[in-house]
C-alpha cells in the first residue's frame, strides 16, 4: 500500500487534522501520522508531511459534491460557484486551528508556496466541473487558473475572519466573482448580461 490509496489518504487526512490542531505542523512526523491514522508506518512509504496536507485539502474538496447534488438548477453560474466554494469554507471552519497550523508551516517554506496555488487550481477545476462548466482544454485551464486565484484570495480573507464569521470570506469571494463576470462574461462561463433597451 501507499499514500496513493484512497482509504489511506482519508485516514491520513483525519489524523492530520487532529494532530495539527494539537501542535505545530512542523513538529509532526510520518510515524505520528501513521499512528493517528491507525496504519502501519509502512503504509505511508514514499509520502511526506506535505502530501498529508494534500490529503486534507482533497477531503475538503470532496465536501462540495454534496452541495452540488442539492443545487438549484435555476441558479446563476456566479451563485453556483459562490455556494460551492462557501461550502468548502464551511467544512474547513471546524478545523480552523489545524488548517492554520498547516498553513503556517507552508508559509515558512518558500519552495512550498507554489504548490499552494496549484492546490487552489485543482480545487477550482473541481468547482467548475460540479457547476457544470468546462474544466478541461485551453479554455477550461484558463478558467481554472483564474478561479484558483479567486479561491486563494478568499482563503486569505478566511484566515482573517473571526472564528465562525465568514464576513471577509464572503465579501472577497462575491467581489471577485462579480469582477470576473463583468470582465469575461461568457468566456469565463457566466451568462451574458442582457442588453438594456434603448429608451423610446
Protein backbone atom coordinates (compact mmCIF):
# COMPACT_ATOMS: atom_id res chain seq x y z
CA UNK A 1 0.00 0.00 0.00
CA UNK A 2 0.99 3.66 -0.35
CA UNK A 3 -0.39 7.15 0.13
CA UNK A 4 -1.96 6.86 -3.33
CA UNK A 5 -4.54 4.50 -1.83
CA UNK A 6 -7.83 6.46 -1.30
CA UNK A 7 -8.58 4.75 2.02
CA UNK A 8 -5.13 5.59 3.37
CA UNK A 9 -5.49 9.19 2.21
CA UNK A 10 -8.80 9.55 4.04
CA UNK A 11 -7.29 8.09 7.23
CA UNK A 12 -4.24 10.36 6.95
CA UNK A 13 -6.46 13.41 6.44
CA UNK A 14 -8.41 12.67 9.62
CA UNK A 15 -5.22 12.09 11.62
CA UNK A 16 -3.54 15.22 10.23
CA UNK A 17 -6.45 17.42 11.31
CA UNK A 18 -6.36 16.05 14.85
CA UNK A 19 -2.58 16.32 15.21
CA UNK A 20 -2.27 19.78 13.60
CA UNK A 21 -4.88 21.16 16.00
CA UNK A 22 -2.76 20.00 18.94
CA UNK A 23 0.74 21.17 17.98
CA UNK A 24 2.72 22.99 15.24
CA UNK A 25 2.59 21.15 11.93
CA UNK A 26 6.37 21.06 11.55
CA UNK A 27 6.69 19.05 14.76
CA UNK A 28 4.58 16.22 13.35
CA UNK A 29 6.28 13.20 11.78
CA UNK A 30 5.15 10.47 9.41
CA UNK A 31 5.16 7.89 12.24
CA UNK A 32 2.89 10.29 14.20
CA UNK A 33 0.50 10.45 11.23
CA UNK A 34 0.54 6.69 10.76
CA UNK A 35 -0.23 6.09 14.44
CA UNK A 36 -3.03 8.67 14.38
CA UNK A 37 -4.47 7.08 11.25
CA UNK A 38 -4.33 3.60 12.78
CA UNK A 39 -1.99 2.48 9.99
CA UNK A 40 1.45 0.83 9.98
CA UNK A 41 4.14 3.38 9.15
CA UNK A 42 4.96 1.34 6.03
CA UNK A 43 1.60 2.41 4.54
CA UNK A 44 2.98 5.96 4.30
CA UNK A 45 6.09 4.88 2.40
CA UNK A 46 7.07 7.46 -0.21
CA UNK A 47 4.83 10.07 1.38
CA UNK A 48 5.67 13.31 3.13
CA UNK A 49 4.22 15.79 5.57
CA UNK A 50 3.20 17.98 2.65
CA UNK A 51 1.41 15.14 0.88
CA UNK A 52 -0.60 14.78 4.08
CA UNK A 53 -1.70 18.40 3.56
CA UNK A 54 -2.87 17.35 0.09
CA UNK A 55 -4.92 14.58 1.68
CA UNK A 56 -6.64 17.14 3.90
CA UNK A 57 -7.29 19.52 1.01
CA UNK A 58 -8.77 16.69 -1.07
CA UNK A 59 -11.12 15.83 1.81
CA UNK A 60 -12.37 19.42 1.89
CA UNK A 61 -12.77 19.43 -1.90
CA UNK A 62 -14.98 16.34 -1.73
CA UNK A 63 -17.45 18.04 0.61
CA UNK A 64 -18.53 20.31 -2.25
CA UNK A 65 -20.05 17.36 -4.13
CA UNK A 66 -22.84 17.18 -1.55
CA UNK A 67 -23.71 20.82 -2.20
CA UNK A 68 -23.76 20.18 -5.95
CA UNK A 69 -26.30 17.37 -5.56
CA UNK A 70 -28.83 19.70 -3.92
CA UNK A 71 -28.09 22.70 -6.12
CA UNK A 72 -30.97 24.66 -7.66
CA UNK A 73 -30.56 24.36 -11.48
CA UNK A 74 -32.11 27.81 -11.89
CA UNK A 75 -29.23 29.46 -10.03
CA UNK A 76 -26.90 31.70 -11.99
CA UNK A 77 -23.37 30.45 -12.66
CA UNK A 78 -21.93 33.01 -10.27
CA UNK A 79 -24.29 31.89 -7.49
CA UNK A 80 -23.43 28.24 -8.11
CA UNK A 81 -19.71 28.93 -7.86
CA UNK A 82 -20.23 31.05 -4.75
CA UNK A 83 -22.31 28.39 -2.99
CA UNK A 84 -19.90 25.56 -3.82
CA UNK A 85 -16.81 27.43 -2.65
CA UNK A 86 -18.53 28.61 0.52
CA UNK A 87 -19.50 25.01 1.30
CA UNK A 88 -15.79 24.23 1.32
CA UNK A 89 -15.03 27.03 3.77
CA UNK A 90 -17.87 25.80 5.98
CA UNK A 91 -16.24 22.35 6.01
CA UNK A 92 -12.89 23.91 6.92
CA UNK A 93 -14.24 26.07 9.75
CA UNK A 94 -14.50 23.36 12.48
CA UNK A 95 -10.84 22.59 11.74
CA UNK A 96 -9.64 26.22 11.71
CA UNK A 97 -6.81 25.67 14.21
CA UNK A 98 -5.48 22.67 12.28
CA UNK A 99 -5.70 24.37 8.88
CA UNK A 100 -3.94 27.48 10.16
CA UNK A 101 -1.23 25.33 11.72
CA UNK A 102 -0.62 23.65 8.35
CA UNK A 103 -0.64 26.96 6.50
CA UNK A 104 1.90 28.47 8.88
CA UNK A 105 4.19 25.55 8.11
CA UNK A 106 3.82 26.16 4.37
CA UNK A 107 4.34 29.92 4.74
CA UNK A 108 7.75 29.32 6.28
CA UNK A 109 8.96 27.33 3.27
CA UNK A 110 9.10 29.38 0.02
CA UNK A 111 9.51 26.23 -2.07
CA UNK A 112 6.04 25.10 -0.97
CA UNK A 113 4.17 28.32 -1.76
CA UNK A 114 3.91 27.47 -5.47
CA UNK A 115 2.27 24.15 -4.65
CA UNK A 116 -0.32 26.06 -2.63
CA UNK A 117 -1.54 27.83 -5.79
CA UNK A 118 -1.70 24.50 -7.61
CA UNK A 119 -3.98 23.19 -4.85
CA UNK A 120 -6.25 26.18 -5.44
CA UNK A 121 -6.30 25.46 -9.18
CA UNK A 122 -7.10 21.78 -8.54
CA UNK A 123 -9.95 22.90 -6.29
CA UNK A 124 -11.12 25.34 -8.99
CA UNK A 125 -11.25 22.58 -11.62
CA UNK A 126 -13.44 20.52 -9.30
CA UNK A 127 -15.70 23.52 -8.60
CA UNK A 128 -16.09 24.19 -12.33
CA UNK A 129 -16.96 20.56 -13.02
CA UNK A 130 -19.53 20.49 -10.22
CA UNK A 131 -21.05 23.73 -11.52
CA UNK A 132 -21.42 22.22 -14.99
CA UNK A 133 -18.69 24.27 -16.65
CA UNK A 134 -15.86 23.08 -18.88
CA UNK A 135 -12.77 22.42 -16.79
CA UNK A 136 -10.54 20.83 -19.45
CA UNK A 137 -8.82 22.07 -22.59
CA UNK A 138 -7.29 25.51 -23.01
CA UNK A 139 -10.47 27.37 -22.04
CA UNK A 140 -11.08 25.19 -19.01
CA UNK A 141 -7.47 25.53 -17.86
CA UNK A 142 -7.64 29.31 -18.16
CA UNK A 143 -10.89 29.36 -16.18
CA UNK A 144 -9.35 27.13 -13.52
CA UNK A 145 -6.30 29.37 -13.21
CA UNK A 146 -8.47 32.45 -12.80
CA UNK A 147 -10.85 30.80 -10.34
CA UNK A 148 -7.86 29.41 -8.45
CA UNK A 149 -6.66 32.96 -7.83
CA UNK A 150 -10.14 33.93 -6.60
CA UNK A 151 -10.20 30.94 -4.24
CA UNK A 152 -6.74 31.86 -2.94
CA UNK A 153 -7.86 35.42 -2.23
CA UNK A 154 -10.98 34.18 -0.43
CA UNK A 155 -8.83 31.82 1.61
CA UNK A 156 -6.57 34.69 2.66
CA UNK A 157 -9.71 36.56 3.75
CA UNK A 158 -10.91 33.47 5.67
CA UNK A 159 -7.69 33.47 7.65
CA UNK A 160 -8.54 36.99 8.80
CA UNK A 161 -12.14 36.21 9.75
CA UNK A 162 -13.13 35.69 13.35
CA UNK A 163 -13.96 32.06 14.11
CA UNK A 164 -17.43 31.25 12.84
CA UNK A 165 -17.76 34.54 10.97
CA UNK A 166 -17.42 34.39 7.18
CA UNK A 167 -17.92 38.12 6.54
CA UNK A 168 -14.49 38.78 4.99
CA UNK A 169 -14.51 35.47 3.12
CA UNK A 170 -17.90 36.10 1.54
CA UNK A 171 -17.07 39.70 0.69
CA UNK A 172 -13.85 38.69 -1.08
CA UNK A 173 -15.50 35.83 -2.96
CA UNK A 174 -18.53 37.85 -4.02
CA UNK A 175 -16.44 40.83 -5.15
CA UNK A 176 -14.04 38.76 -7.24
CA UNK A 177 -16.71 36.55 -8.83
CA UNK A 178 -18.65 39.67 -9.82
CA UNK A 179 -15.50 41.18 -11.26
CA UNK A 180 -14.86 38.01 -13.30
CA UNK A 181 -18.43 38.06 -14.54
CA UNK A 182 -18.16 41.70 -15.62
CA UNK A 183 -14.73 41.34 -17.24
CA UNK A 184 -15.01 37.99 -19.01
CA UNK A 185 -18.70 37.22 -19.36
CA UNK A 186 -19.42 34.09 -21.41
CA UNK A 187 -15.73 33.29 -21.84
CA UNK A 188 -15.45 32.70 -18.10
CA UNK A 189 -18.62 30.61 -18.16
CA UNK A 190 -21.00 33.28 -16.96
CA UNK A 191 -24.21 34.05 -18.79
CA UNK A 192 -24.04 37.20 -20.87
CA UNK A 193 -25.79 40.10 -19.23
CA UNK A 194 -28.98 41.16 -21.00
CA UNK A 195 -28.60 44.31 -23.02
CA UNK A 196 -30.53 47.28 -21.70
CA UNK A 197 -33.14 48.55 -24.10
CA UNK A 198 -32.71 51.99 -25.59
CA UNK A 199 -35.20 54.49 -24.18
CA UNK A 200 -38.05 55.15 -26.54
